Amino acid sequence: MSLLDHWPDRSDWNDHLKTWFDSNAARELIKFVDQQRQDETVFPPADSVFSAFRLTSWSDTKVVILGQDPYHGLGQAHGLSFSVGQAAERFPPSLRNIFKELADDLECPIPTTCNLEPWARQGVLLLNTVLTVRNGEPHAHKNRGWESFTDAVIESLNSHPANIVFVLWGKSAEKKATLIDDRHLRLVAPHPSPLSAHRGFFGSRPFSKTNEILESQGRGRIDWLLE
């Protein structure tokens, strides 16, 4: 099966991304990723690449949390940025730092689960700028076409009738800020990786700030608490 066979056909994202899917850029990207899967181990599994779009519809999107590319280790990436789809003995370092900031920001316990699906089901689009990666090779699929896809996603959300909170973590995510009008809210911080978290990610309070913004618009809070 091709990567495209796993796109959620009944999703309302189709109305907003059709132009991209009909483009040469889409055809080249899909060809590249399909070939990579024949020759290499690629994460996440093909049926999980578009999980974010399956769990969070365009119309229900309230918040976008944007990272860089998926985890590149076995059994971790499952199509939601920063999330791990199954029980893990050790949380990835970036997720551990996100949970540390969550606990400090909301004065709550550090979660014991590594699966962020409950956020996605509340309208938090958990997106990376690049959606696939080779085993053990971070950034291996950078500049191969995913950036044009995620540009199209951000541009479509920029036209959303509601004001969306864009949480941009890291340089790759920050570059997307130019695609977002000022009527939306942008919370920009360093990536939660141990290499950069101490440069401003810690103390950025993205969870409480997001809820303050959503409540001021009458859109309801996100329940960030996990098991």
N, C-alpha and C. Protein backbone atom coordinates (compact mmCIF):
# COMPACT_ATOMS: atom_id res chain seq x y z
N MET A 1 0.83 -1.20 0.00
CA MET A 1 0.00 0.00 0.00
C MET A 1 0.86 1.25 0.00
N SER A 2 0.37 2.28 -0.65
CA SER A 2 1.06 3.55 -0.69
C SER A 2 0.71 4.37 0.56
N LEU A 3 1.59 5.31 0.89
CA LEU A 3 1.33 6.21 2.00
C LEU A 3 -0.03 6.88 1.87
N LEU A 4 -0.39 7.26 0.67
CA LEU A 4 -1.64 7.98 0.45
C LEU A 4 -2.86 7.15 0.81
N ASP A 5 -2.73 5.82 0.75
CA ASP A 5 -3.85 4.95 1.10
C ASP A 5 -4.25 5.06 2.56
N HIS A 6 -3.37 5.64 3.37
CA HIS A 6 -3.64 5.75 4.80
C HIS A 6 -4.19 7.11 5.19
N TRP A 7 -4.38 7.98 4.22
CA TRP A 7 -4.98 9.28 4.54
C TRP A 7 -6.46 9.07 4.90
N PRO A 8 -6.97 9.74 5.95
CA PRO A 8 -8.37 9.56 6.35
C PRO A 8 -9.33 10.24 5.37
N ASP A 9 -9.85 9.47 4.45
CA ASP A 9 -10.64 10.00 3.34
C ASP A 9 -11.86 10.82 3.77
N ARG A 10 -12.48 10.45 4.86
CA ARG A 10 -13.71 11.12 5.27
C ARG A 10 -13.44 12.36 6.12
N SER A 11 -12.22 12.71 6.28
CA SER A 11 -11.87 13.87 7.10
C SER A 11 -12.21 15.17 6.40
N ASP A 12 -12.59 16.20 7.18
CA ASP A 12 -12.85 17.50 6.58
C ASP A 12 -11.56 18.21 6.17
N TRP A 13 -10.41 17.63 6.49
CA TRP A 13 -9.14 18.17 5.99
C TRP A 13 -9.09 18.12 4.46
N ASN A 14 -9.81 17.19 3.86
CA ASN A 14 -9.80 17.06 2.39
C ASN A 14 -10.22 18.35 1.71
N ASP A 15 -11.19 19.04 2.29
CA ASP A 15 -11.68 20.27 1.68
C ASP A 15 -10.61 21.36 1.64
N HIS A 16 -9.64 21.26 2.53
CA HIS A 16 -8.66 22.32 2.69
C HIS A 16 -7.28 21.96 2.13
N LEU A 17 -7.05 20.68 1.86
CA LEU A 17 -5.72 20.24 1.41
C LEU A 17 -5.74 19.62 0.01
N LYS A 18 -6.90 19.68 -0.66
CA LYS A 18 -7.02 19.06 -1.98
C LYS A 18 -5.99 19.60 -2.97
N THR A 19 -5.79 20.91 -2.97
CA THR A 19 -4.82 21.51 -3.90
C THR A 19 -3.44 20.92 -3.70
N TRP A 20 -3.06 20.73 -2.43
CA TRP A 20 -1.73 20.15 -2.17
C TRP A 20 -1.68 18.70 -2.65
N PHE A 21 -2.69 17.91 -2.33
CA PHE A 21 -2.67 16.50 -2.72
C PHE A 21 -2.67 16.32 -4.24
N ASP A 22 -3.16 17.31 -4.97
CA ASP A 22 -3.16 17.24 -6.43
C ASP A 22 -1.87 17.77 -7.05
N SER A 23 -0.92 18.19 -6.24
CA SER A 23 0.28 18.86 -6.74
C SER A 23 1.41 17.88 -7.06
N ASN A 24 2.36 18.35 -7.83
CA ASN A 24 3.57 17.56 -8.10
C ASN A 24 4.36 17.32 -6.82
N ALA A 25 4.35 18.30 -5.92
CA ALA A 25 5.06 18.15 -4.65
C ALA A 25 4.53 16.95 -3.88
N ALA A 26 3.22 16.77 -3.87
CA ALA A 26 2.62 15.63 -3.17
C ALA A 26 3.04 14.32 -3.82
N ARG A 27 2.97 14.27 -5.13
CA ARG A 27 3.34 13.04 -5.83
C ARG A 27 4.80 12.66 -5.57
N GLU A 28 5.68 13.65 -5.58
CA GLU A 28 7.10 13.38 -5.35
C GLU A 28 7.35 12.92 -3.92
N LEU A 29 6.69 13.55 -2.96
CA LEU A 29 6.86 13.15 -1.57
C LEU A 29 6.37 11.73 -1.34
N ILE A 30 5.19 11.41 -1.83
CA ILE A 30 4.63 10.08 -1.62
C ILE A 30 5.51 9.03 -2.27
N LYS A 31 6.02 9.33 -3.46
CA LYS A 31 6.94 8.41 -4.14
C LYS A 31 8.19 8.19 -3.30
N PHE A 32 8.73 9.26 -2.74
CA PHE A 32 9.94 9.15 -1.92
C PHE A 32 9.70 8.31 -0.67
N VAL A 33 8.62 8.60 0.06
CA VAL A 33 8.36 7.87 1.31
C VAL A 33 8.05 6.40 1.02
N ASP A 34 7.29 6.13 -0.02
CA ASP A 34 6.99 4.73 -0.38
C ASP A 34 8.27 3.97 -0.70
N GLN A 35 9.19 4.61 -1.42
CA GLN A 35 10.46 3.97 -1.76
C GLN A 35 11.31 3.75 -0.52
N GLN A 36 11.31 4.72 0.38
CA GLN A 36 12.06 4.57 1.62
C GLN A 36 11.58 3.38 2.43
N ARG A 37 10.27 3.17 2.44
CA ARG A 37 9.74 2.04 3.22
C ARG A 37 10.15 0.70 2.61
N GLN A 38 10.36 0.68 1.32
CA GLN A 38 10.83 -0.56 0.69
C GLN A 38 12.29 -0.85 1.04
N ASP A 39 13.08 0.21 1.20
CA ASP A 39 14.53 0.06 1.37
C ASP A 39 15.01 0.18 2.81
N GLU A 40 14.23 0.88 3.65
CA GLU A 40 14.67 1.22 5.00
C GLU A 40 13.55 0.98 6.00
N THR A 41 13.89 1.07 7.29
CA THR A 41 12.88 1.11 8.34
C THR A 41 12.50 2.56 8.57
N VAL A 42 11.23 2.85 8.43
CA VAL A 42 10.74 4.23 8.52
C VAL A 42 9.71 4.32 9.64
N PHE A 43 9.80 5.39 10.42
CA PHE A 43 8.83 5.64 11.49
C PHE A 43 8.07 6.93 11.20
N PRO A 44 6.82 7.05 11.66
CA PRO A 44 6.02 6.00 12.30
C PRO A 44 5.53 4.98 11.27
N PRO A 45 4.86 3.91 11.71
CA PRO A 45 4.28 2.96 10.75
C PRO A 45 3.37 3.70 9.78
N ALA A 46 3.25 3.16 8.57
CA ALA A 46 2.49 3.84 7.52
C ALA A 46 1.07 4.17 7.94
N ASP A 47 0.44 3.28 8.70
CA ASP A 47 -0.95 3.54 9.07
C ASP A 47 -1.09 4.55 10.20
N SER A 48 0.04 5.05 10.71
CA SER A 48 0.01 6.04 11.79
C SER A 48 0.49 7.42 11.36
N VAL A 49 1.03 7.54 10.16
CA VAL A 49 1.63 8.81 9.74
C VAL A 49 0.64 9.97 9.87
N PHE A 50 -0.62 9.72 9.53
CA PHE A 50 -1.63 10.79 9.52
C PHE A 50 -2.56 10.72 10.73
N SER A 51 -2.09 10.15 11.82
CA SER A 51 -2.94 10.02 13.01
C SER A 51 -3.47 11.35 13.51
N ALA A 52 -2.65 12.39 13.44
CA ALA A 52 -3.08 13.70 13.94
C ALA A 52 -4.33 14.18 13.23
N PHE A 53 -4.43 13.89 11.94
CA PHE A 53 -5.56 14.36 11.14
C PHE A 53 -6.78 13.46 11.33
N ARG A 54 -6.53 12.26 11.76
CA ARG A 54 -7.64 11.34 12.04
C ARG A 54 -8.30 11.68 13.38
N LEU A 55 -7.51 12.14 14.34
CA LEU A 55 -8.00 12.41 15.68
C LEU A 55 -8.48 13.85 15.87
N THR A 56 -7.94 14.77 15.08
CA THR A 56 -8.29 16.19 15.23
C THR A 56 -8.76 16.72 13.88
N SER A 57 -10.02 17.03 13.77
CA SER A 57 -10.55 17.55 12.51
C SER A 57 -10.15 19.01 12.31
N TRP A 58 -10.22 19.45 11.07
CA TRP A 58 -9.93 20.87 10.78
C TRP A 58 -10.89 21.77 11.54
N SER A 59 -12.16 21.44 11.51
CA SER A 59 -13.16 22.31 12.12
C SER A 59 -13.02 22.37 13.64
N ASP A 60 -12.53 21.30 14.27
CA ASP A 60 -12.42 21.26 15.73
C ASP A 60 -11.09 21.76 16.26
N THR A 61 -10.16 22.09 15.38
CA THR A 61 -8.83 22.49 15.84
C THR A 61 -8.87 23.80 16.62
N LYS A 62 -8.39 23.74 17.85
CA LYS A 62 -8.27 24.92 18.70
C LYS A 62 -6.82 25.34 18.89
N VAL A 63 -5.97 24.33 18.94
CA VAL A 63 -4.56 24.53 19.26
C VAL A 63 -3.71 23.69 18.32
N VAL A 64 -2.58 24.22 17.91
CA VAL A 64 -1.59 23.44 17.16
C VAL A 64 -0.31 23.42 17.97
N ILE A 65 0.18 22.24 18.30
CA ILE A 65 1.52 22.10 18.90
C ILE A 65 2.42 21.55 17.81
N LEU A 66 3.38 22.36 17.41
CA LEU A 66 4.23 22.02 16.27
C LEU A 66 5.66 21.75 16.71
N GLY A 67 6.17 20.57 16.31
CA GLY A 67 7.55 20.20 16.61
C GLY A 67 8.37 20.09 15.33
N GLN A 68 9.35 19.16 15.30
CA GLN A 68 10.20 19.07 14.11
C GLN A 68 9.98 17.77 13.35
N ASP A 69 10.48 16.64 13.80
CA ASP A 69 10.20 15.38 13.11
C ASP A 69 9.97 14.28 14.13
N PRO A 70 9.47 13.11 13.70
CA PRO A 70 9.08 12.07 14.66
C PRO A 70 10.26 11.48 15.41
N TYR A 71 9.95 10.84 16.53
CA TYR A 71 10.96 10.04 17.22
C TYR A 71 11.51 8.99 16.25
N HIS A 72 12.81 8.74 16.34
CA HIS A 72 13.44 7.84 15.37
C HIS A 72 13.83 6.50 15.97
N GLY A 73 13.20 6.14 17.11
CA GLY A 73 13.46 4.84 17.73
C GLY A 73 12.27 3.91 17.62
N LEU A 74 12.52 2.63 17.73
CA LEU A 74 11.48 1.61 17.59
C LEU A 74 10.39 1.77 18.64
N GLY A 75 9.12 1.69 18.21
CA GLY A 75 8.00 1.66 19.13
C GLY A 75 7.66 2.98 19.78
N GLN A 76 8.08 4.09 19.18
CA GLN A 76 7.79 5.39 19.79
C GLN A 76 6.81 6.21 18.96
N ALA A 77 7.23 6.68 17.79
CA ALA A 77 6.39 7.58 16.99
C ALA A 77 5.11 6.89 16.54
N HIS A 78 3.99 7.63 16.64
CA HIS A 78 2.72 7.09 16.14
C HIS A 78 1.86 8.19 15.51
N GLY A 79 2.51 9.21 14.96
CA GLY A 79 1.81 10.20 14.17
C GLY A 79 1.33 11.42 14.90
N LEU A 80 1.60 11.52 16.19
CA LEU A 80 1.27 12.70 16.99
C LEU A 80 2.58 13.27 17.53
N SER A 81 2.84 14.53 17.30
CA SER A 81 4.11 15.11 17.73
C SER A 81 4.29 14.93 19.24
N PHE A 82 5.47 14.48 19.61
CA PHE A 82 5.93 14.32 20.99
C PHE A 82 5.29 13.15 21.73
N SER A 83 4.28 12.52 21.16
CA SER A 83 3.56 11.44 21.82
C SER A 83 4.19 10.09 21.51
N VAL A 84 4.05 9.17 22.44
CA VAL A 84 4.47 7.78 22.25
C VAL A 84 3.23 6.90 22.37
N GLY A 85 3.02 6.05 21.39
CA GLY A 85 1.76 5.35 21.28
C GLY A 85 1.59 4.13 22.17
N GLN A 86 2.65 3.69 22.81
CA GLN A 86 2.52 2.51 23.66
C GLN A 86 3.30 2.75 24.94
N ALA A 87 3.10 1.87 25.90
CA ALA A 87 3.80 2.03 27.18
C ALA A 87 5.31 2.02 26.97
N ALA A 88 5.98 2.93 27.63
CA ALA A 88 7.43 3.04 27.48
C ALA A 88 8.09 2.98 28.85
N GLU A 89 9.17 2.22 28.95
CA GLU A 89 9.89 2.15 30.21
C GLU A 89 10.49 3.51 30.57
N ARG A 90 10.96 4.22 29.54
CA ARG A 90 11.51 5.55 29.76
C ARG A 90 10.91 6.50 28.74
N PHE A 91 10.43 7.63 29.19
CA PHE A 91 9.89 8.61 28.26
C PHE A 91 11.02 9.23 27.45
N PRO A 92 10.79 9.54 26.18
CA PRO A 92 11.80 10.28 25.41
C PRO A 92 12.14 11.59 26.14
N PRO A 93 13.38 12.04 26.06
CA PRO A 93 13.78 13.23 26.81
C PRO A 93 12.93 14.46 26.53
N SER A 94 12.53 14.68 25.28
CA SER A 94 11.70 15.85 24.97
C SER A 94 10.36 15.78 25.69
N LEU A 95 9.74 14.60 25.68
CA LEU A 95 8.46 14.43 26.34
C LEU A 95 8.61 14.58 27.85
N ARG A 96 9.70 14.09 28.38
CA ARG A 96 9.94 14.25 29.81
C ARG A 96 10.02 15.73 30.19
N ASN A 97 10.67 16.52 29.34
CA ASN A 97 10.75 17.96 29.60
C ASN A 97 9.40 18.66 29.44
N ILE A 98 8.61 18.21 28.47
CA ILE A 98 7.25 18.76 28.31
C ILE A 98 6.45 18.51 29.58
N PHE A 99 6.55 17.30 30.12
CA PHE A 99 5.79 16.97 31.32
C PHE A 99 6.31 17.73 32.54
N LYS A 100 7.60 17.99 32.57
CA LYS A 100 8.15 18.81 33.67
C LYS A 100 7.57 20.21 33.62
N GLU A 101 7.52 20.79 32.42
CA GLU A 101 6.94 22.12 32.26
C GLU A 101 5.44 22.10 32.57
N LEU A 102 4.75 21.05 32.14
CA LEU A 102 3.32 20.91 32.44
C LEU A 102 3.09 20.92 33.94
N ALA A 103 3.88 20.14 34.67
CA ALA A 103 3.72 20.05 36.12
C ALA A 103 4.02 21.38 36.80
N ASP A 104 5.07 22.07 36.35
CA ASP A 104 5.42 23.36 36.94
C ASP A 104 4.37 24.42 36.59
N ASP A 105 3.89 24.39 35.35
CA ASP A 105 2.95 25.39 34.88
C ASP A 105 1.60 25.26 35.58
N LEU A 106 1.07 24.05 35.66
CA LEU A 106 -0.28 23.83 36.19
C LEU A 106 -0.28 23.30 37.61
N GLU A 107 0.90 23.13 38.20
CA GLU A 107 1.02 22.61 39.56
C GLU A 107 0.25 21.29 39.70
N CYS A 108 0.56 20.39 38.79
CA CYS A 108 -0.11 19.09 38.74
C CYS A 108 0.93 17.99 38.75
N PRO A 109 0.53 16.74 38.98
CA PRO A 109 1.49 15.63 38.94
C PRO A 109 2.04 15.43 37.53
N ILE A 110 3.24 14.92 37.45
CA ILE A 110 3.81 14.54 36.16
C ILE A 110 3.06 13.30 35.65
N PRO A 111 2.59 13.31 34.41
CA PRO A 111 1.82 12.17 33.90
C PRO A 111 2.63 10.87 33.93
N THR A 112 1.90 9.78 34.01
CA THR A 112 2.54 8.47 33.96
C THR A 112 2.36 7.82 32.59
N THR A 113 1.52 8.40 31.73
CA THR A 113 1.35 7.90 30.38
C THR A 113 2.17 8.74 29.41
N CYS A 114 2.57 8.15 28.31
CA CYS A 114 3.33 8.90 27.30
C CYS A 114 2.49 9.13 26.04
N ASN A 115 1.21 8.75 26.08
CA ASN A 115 0.32 8.88 24.93
C ASN A 115 -0.51 10.16 25.07
N LEU A 116 -0.39 11.05 24.08
CA LEU A 116 -1.04 12.35 24.14
C LEU A 116 -2.37 12.39 23.37
N GLU A 117 -2.92 11.23 23.04
CA GLU A 117 -4.18 11.20 22.31
C GLU A 117 -5.30 12.00 23.00
N PRO A 118 -5.39 11.99 24.35
CA PRO A 118 -6.45 12.80 24.97
C PRO A 118 -6.39 14.28 24.59
N TRP A 119 -5.20 14.81 24.37
CA TRP A 119 -5.09 16.19 23.91
C TRP A 119 -5.65 16.33 22.50
N ALA A 120 -5.25 15.37 21.63
CA ALA A 120 -5.68 15.44 20.23
C ALA A 120 -7.20 15.38 20.12
N ARG A 121 -7.84 14.61 20.98
CA ARG A 121 -9.29 14.46 20.90
C ARG A 121 -10.04 15.71 21.40
N GLN A 122 -9.30 16.64 21.99
CA GLN A 122 -9.92 17.90 22.46
C GLN A 122 -9.66 19.06 21.50
N GLY A 123 -9.06 18.78 20.35
CA GLY A 123 -8.82 19.85 19.39
C GLY A 123 -7.40 20.36 19.35
N VAL A 124 -6.47 19.59 19.90
CA VAL A 124 -5.05 19.95 19.85
C VAL A 124 -4.40 19.16 18.71
N LEU A 125 -4.07 19.84 17.63
CA LEU A 125 -3.41 19.19 16.50
C LEU A 125 -1.93 19.03 16.84
N LEU A 126 -1.51 17.78 17.03
CA LEU A 126 -0.13 17.47 17.40
C LEU A 126 0.63 17.16 16.13
N LEU A 127 1.34 18.16 15.63
CA LEU A 127 1.90 18.12 14.29
C LEU A 127 3.41 18.32 14.33
N ASN A 128 4.11 17.62 13.47
CA ASN A 128 5.53 17.89 13.22
C ASN A 128 5.68 18.58 11.87
N THR A 129 6.78 19.28 11.66
CA THR A 129 7.01 19.90 10.36
C THR A 129 7.35 18.85 9.31
N VAL A 130 7.91 17.72 9.75
CA VAL A 130 8.23 16.57 8.89
C VAL A 130 7.58 15.35 9.53
N LEU A 131 6.88 14.53 8.74
CA LEU A 131 6.04 13.49 9.33
C LEU A 131 6.63 12.09 9.32
N THR A 132 7.79 11.89 8.69
CA THR A 132 8.43 10.57 8.72
C THR A 132 9.93 10.72 8.94
N VAL A 133 10.56 9.61 9.32
CA VAL A 133 12.00 9.63 9.60
C VAL A 133 12.54 8.21 9.46
N ARG A 134 13.81 8.08 9.08
CA ARG A 134 14.44 6.75 9.04
C ARG A 134 14.89 6.34 10.44
N ASN A 135 14.88 5.04 10.67
CA ASN A 135 15.31 4.48 11.94
C ASN A 135 16.69 4.99 12.33
N GLY A 136 16.77 5.62 13.50
CA GLY A 136 18.05 6.05 14.05
C GLY A 136 18.68 7.24 13.36
N GLU A 137 17.95 7.92 12.46
CA GLU A 137 18.53 9.04 11.72
C GLU A 137 17.61 10.26 11.80
N PRO A 138 17.71 11.05 12.87
CA PRO A 138 16.88 12.24 12.96
C PRO A 138 17.12 13.17 11.77
N HIS A 139 16.07 13.81 11.32
CA HIS A 139 16.09 14.75 10.18
C HIS A 139 16.36 14.06 8.84
N ALA A 140 16.29 12.74 8.78
CA ALA A 140 16.62 12.04 7.53
C ALA A 140 15.66 12.39 6.40
N HIS A 141 14.43 12.77 6.73
CA HIS A 141 13.45 13.11 5.69
C HIS A 141 13.20 14.61 5.62
N LYS A 142 14.10 15.37 6.20
CA LYS A 142 14.01 16.83 6.10
C LYS A 142 14.29 17.26 4.65
N ASN A 143 13.56 18.28 4.20
CA ASN A 143 13.74 18.85 2.85
C ASN A 143 13.46 17.85 1.73
N ARG A 144 12.56 16.92 1.98
CA ARG A 144 12.15 15.97 0.95
C ARG A 144 10.69 16.17 0.53
N GLY A 145 10.03 17.19 1.08
CA GLY A 145 8.68 17.50 0.64
C GLY A 145 7.65 17.67 1.74
N TRP A 146 7.95 17.15 2.93
CA TRP A 146 6.98 17.28 4.01
C TRP A 146 6.73 18.74 4.38
N GLU A 147 7.75 19.57 4.24
CA GLU A 147 7.59 20.97 4.62
C GLU A 147 6.50 21.65 3.80
N SER A 148 6.37 21.29 2.52
CA SER A 148 5.31 21.89 1.71
C SER A 148 3.94 21.42 2.19
N PHE A 149 3.86 20.18 2.64
CA PHE A 149 2.60 19.67 3.18
C PHE A 149 2.21 20.41 4.45
N THR A 150 3.15 20.53 5.38
CA THR A 150 2.81 21.19 6.64
C THR A 150 2.61 22.70 6.45
N ASP A 151 3.26 23.28 5.43
CA ASP A 151 2.93 24.67 5.07
C ASP A 151 1.44 24.76 4.68
N ALA A 152 0.99 23.81 3.87
CA ALA A 152 -0.40 23.81 3.42
C ALA A 152 -1.36 23.64 4.60
N VAL A 153 -0.98 22.80 5.56
CA VAL A 153 -1.80 22.60 6.76
C VAL A 153 -1.92 23.91 7.54
N ILE A 154 -0.78 24.56 7.78
CA ILE A 154 -0.79 25.81 8.55
C ILE A 154 -1.56 26.89 7.79
N GLU A 155 -1.35 26.98 6.49
CA GLU A 155 -2.06 27.99 5.69
C GLU A 155 -3.58 27.76 5.74
N SER A 156 -3.99 26.49 5.72
CA SER A 156 -5.42 26.20 5.79
C SER A 156 -5.98 26.62 7.14
N LEU A 157 -5.24 26.38 8.20
CA LEU A 157 -5.71 26.77 9.53
C LEU A 157 -5.67 28.28 9.72
N ASN A 158 -4.81 28.95 8.99
CA ASN A 158 -4.77 30.40 9.06
C ASN A 158 -6.09 31.02 8.59
N SER A 159 -6.81 30.28 7.74
CA SER A 159 -8.10 30.77 7.25
C SER A 159 -9.27 30.31 8.12
N HIS A 160 -8.98 29.62 9.21
CA HIS A 160 -10.02 29.12 10.11
C HIS A 160 -10.82 30.29 10.68
N PRO A 161 -12.15 30.17 10.76
CA PRO A 161 -12.95 31.29 11.28
C PRO A 161 -12.66 31.63 12.73
N ALA A 162 -12.22 30.65 13.51
CA ALA A 162 -11.88 30.90 14.91
C ALA A 162 -10.40 31.25 15.03
N ASN A 163 -10.05 31.93 16.11
CA ASN A 163 -8.64 32.22 16.38
C ASN A 163 -7.99 31.01 17.03
N ILE A 164 -6.90 30.55 16.46
CA ILE A 164 -6.22 29.33 16.90
C ILE A 164 -4.94 29.71 17.66
N VAL A 165 -4.60 28.91 18.65
CA VAL A 165 -3.35 29.08 19.37
C VAL A 165 -2.30 28.17 18.72
N PHE A 166 -1.27 28.78 18.17
CA PHE A 166 -0.16 28.03 17.56
C PHE A 166 1.00 28.01 18.54
N VAL A 167 1.34 26.81 19.01
CA VAL A 167 2.46 26.62 19.94
C VAL A 167 3.63 26.09 19.13
N LEU A 168 4.62 26.92 18.92
CA LEU A 168 5.72 26.61 18.00
C LEU A 168 6.99 26.35 18.82
N TRP A 169 7.42 25.09 18.80
CA TRP A 169 8.58 24.69 19.60
C TRP A 169 9.76 24.35 18.70
N GLY A 170 10.80 25.15 18.76
CA GLY A 170 12.01 24.88 17.99
C GLY A 170 12.08 25.67 16.71
N LYS A 171 13.27 25.71 16.11
CA LYS A 171 13.51 26.52 14.91
C LYS A 171 12.65 26.10 13.73
N SER A 172 12.50 24.79 13.51
CA SER A 172 11.70 24.32 12.38
C SER A 172 10.26 24.80 12.49
N ALA A 173 9.72 24.74 13.71
CA ALA A 173 8.36 25.19 13.93
C ALA A 173 8.25 26.70 13.82
N GLU A 174 9.23 27.39 14.36
CA GLU A 174 9.19 28.85 14.37
C GLU A 174 9.14 29.44 12.96
N LYS A 175 9.75 28.73 12.00
CA LYS A 175 9.73 29.21 10.61
C LYS A 175 8.31 29.32 10.06
N LYS A 176 7.39 28.54 10.61
CA LYS A 176 6.01 28.56 10.13
C LYS A 176 5.26 29.82 10.59
N ALA A 177 5.84 30.57 11.50
CA ALA A 177 5.16 31.75 12.04
C ALA A 177 4.80 32.75 10.95
N THR A 178 5.58 32.80 9.89
CA THR A 178 5.31 33.75 8.80
C THR A 178 4.04 33.41 8.04
N LEU A 179 3.51 32.19 8.22
CA LEU A 179 2.30 31.76 7.54
C LEU A 179 1.04 32.08 8.35
N ILE A 180 1.22 32.65 9.55
CA ILE A 180 0.12 32.82 10.49
C ILE A 180 -0.19 34.30 10.69
N ASP A 181 -1.43 34.67 10.45
CA ASP A 181 -1.85 36.06 10.64
C ASP A 181 -1.87 36.44 12.11
N ASP A 182 -1.84 37.75 12.36
CA ASP A 182 -1.78 38.23 13.73
C ASP A 182 -3.07 38.01 14.51
N ARG A 183 -4.17 37.70 13.83
CA ARG A 183 -5.41 37.46 14.58
C ARG A 183 -5.34 36.15 15.37
N HIS A 184 -4.46 35.26 14.95
CA HIS A 184 -4.21 34.04 15.72
C HIS A 184 -3.14 34.34 16.78
N LEU A 185 -2.97 33.42 17.71
CA LEU A 185 -2.01 33.60 18.78
C LEU A 185 -0.83 32.66 18.58
N ARG A 186 0.37 33.20 18.72
CA ARG A 186 1.58 32.40 18.54
C ARG A 186 2.37 32.38 19.84
N LEU A 187 2.61 31.18 20.35
CA LEU A 187 3.45 30.99 21.52
C LEU A 187 4.72 30.29 21.06
N VAL A 188 5.81 31.02 21.01
CA VAL A 188 7.06 30.52 20.44
C VAL A 188 8.06 30.26 21.58
N ALA A 189 8.69 29.10 21.53
CA ALA A 189 9.70 28.75 22.54
C ALA A 189 10.70 27.78 21.93
N PRO A 190 11.86 27.63 22.56
CA PRO A 190 12.81 26.61 22.10
C PRO A 190 12.21 25.22 22.16
N HIS A 191 12.79 24.31 21.40
CA HIS A 191 12.36 22.91 21.41
C HIS A 191 12.59 22.32 22.81
N PRO A 192 11.71 21.43 23.27
CA PRO A 192 11.89 20.83 24.60
C PRO A 192 13.01 19.80 24.69
N SER A 193 13.76 19.61 23.66
CA SER A 193 14.93 18.72 23.72
C SER A 193 15.88 19.17 24.83
N PRO A 194 16.59 18.21 25.46
CA PRO A 194 17.58 18.60 26.48
C PRO A 194 18.64 19.58 25.95
N LEU A 195 18.83 19.61 24.63
CA LEU A 195 19.82 20.52 24.06
C LEU A 195 19.38 21.97 24.12
N SER A 196 18.07 22.21 24.22
CA SER A 196 17.59 23.59 24.14
C SER A 196 16.56 23.98 25.19
N ALA A 197 16.04 23.02 25.95
CA ALA A 197 14.94 23.31 26.87
C ALA A 197 15.29 24.39 27.89
N HIS A 198 16.56 24.44 28.30
CA HIS A 198 16.96 25.41 29.32
C HIS A 198 17.18 26.81 28.75
N ARG A 199 16.97 26.97 27.45
CA ARG A 199 17.15 28.29 26.82
C ARG A 199 15.85 29.06 26.69
N GLY A 200 14.83 28.61 27.39
CA GLY A 200 13.58 29.35 27.36
C GLY A 200 12.33 28.50 27.25
N PHE A 201 12.49 27.19 27.02
CA PHE A 201 11.30 26.34 27.04
C PHE A 201 10.77 26.24 28.46
N PHE A 202 11.66 25.92 29.40
CA PHE A 202 11.24 25.87 30.80
C PHE A 202 10.85 27.28 31.24
N GLY A 203 9.68 27.36 31.83
CA GLY A 203 9.17 28.65 32.28
C GLY A 203 8.32 29.36 31.26
N SER A 204 8.12 28.77 30.07
CA SER A 204 7.33 29.43 29.03
C SER A 204 5.82 29.33 29.28
N ARG A 205 5.39 28.41 30.12
CA ARG A 205 4.00 28.26 30.57
C ARG A 205 3.01 28.14 29.40
N PRO A 206 3.26 27.27 28.45
CA PRO A 206 2.38 27.19 27.28
C PRO A 206 0.98 26.67 27.59
N PHE A 207 0.86 25.84 28.62
CA PHE A 207 -0.43 25.19 28.90
C PHE A 207 -1.41 26.17 29.54
N SER A 208 -0.95 26.89 30.55
CA SER A 208 -1.84 27.87 31.18
C SER A 208 -2.11 29.04 30.25
N LYS A 209 -1.12 29.47 29.49
CA LYS A 209 -1.33 30.58 28.55
C LYS A 209 -2.34 30.21 27.48
N THR A 210 -2.24 28.99 26.98
CA THR A 210 -3.20 28.54 25.97
C THR A 210 -4.61 28.55 26.52
N ASN A 211 -4.79 28.05 27.73
CA ASN A 211 -6.13 28.02 28.30
C ASN A 211 -6.66 29.42 28.59
N GLU A 212 -5.79 30.31 29.01
CA GLU A 212 -6.23 31.69 29.23
C GLU A 212 -6.74 32.31 27.93
N ILE A 213 -6.03 32.04 26.84
CA ILE A 213 -6.43 32.57 25.53
C ILE A 213 -7.75 31.97 25.09
N LEU A 214 -7.88 30.64 25.19
CA LEU A 214 -9.10 29.97 24.77
C LEU A 214 -10.30 30.44 25.59
N GLU A 215 -10.11 30.58 26.90
CA GLU A 215 -11.21 31.02 27.74
C GLU A 215 -11.63 32.45 27.41
N SER A 216 -10.67 33.31 27.08
CA SER A 216 -11.00 34.69 26.74
C SER A 216 -11.83 34.77 25.46
N GLN A 217 -11.74 33.73 24.64
CA GLN A 217 -12.50 33.67 23.39
C GLN A 217 -13.78 32.86 23.53
N GLY A 218 -14.02 32.33 24.71
CA GLY A 218 -15.20 31.51 24.93
C GLY A 218 -15.14 30.16 24.26
N ARG A 219 -13.94 29.64 24.04
CA ARG A 219 -13.79 28.36 23.33
C ARG A 219 -13.57 27.17 24.25
N GLY A 220 -13.48 27.41 25.55
CA GLY A 220 -13.32 26.30 26.48
C GLY A 220 -11.87 25.91 26.67
N ARG A 221 -11.55 25.44 27.86
CA ARG A 221 -10.19 25.05 28.20
C ARG A 221 -9.84 23.68 27.62
N ILE A 222 -8.54 23.44 27.48
CA ILE A 222 -8.04 22.08 27.23
C ILE A 222 -7.72 21.44 28.57
N ASP A 223 -8.19 20.24 28.77
CA ASP A 223 -7.80 19.48 29.97
C ASP A 223 -6.47 18.82 29.69
N TRP A 224 -5.41 19.44 30.16
CA TRP A 224 -4.05 18.96 29.87
C TRP A 224 -3.65 17.79 30.77
N LEU A 225 -4.41 17.50 31.80
CA LEU A 225 -4.02 16.47 32.75
C LEU A 225 -4.17 15.09 32.11
N LEU A 226 -3.17 14.26 32.30
CA LEU A 226 -3.15 12.90 31.77
C LEU A 226 -3.04 11.94 32.94
N GLU A 227 -3.14 10.66 32.66
CA GLU A 227 -3.06 9.66 33.74
C GLU A 227 -1.72 9.72 34.45
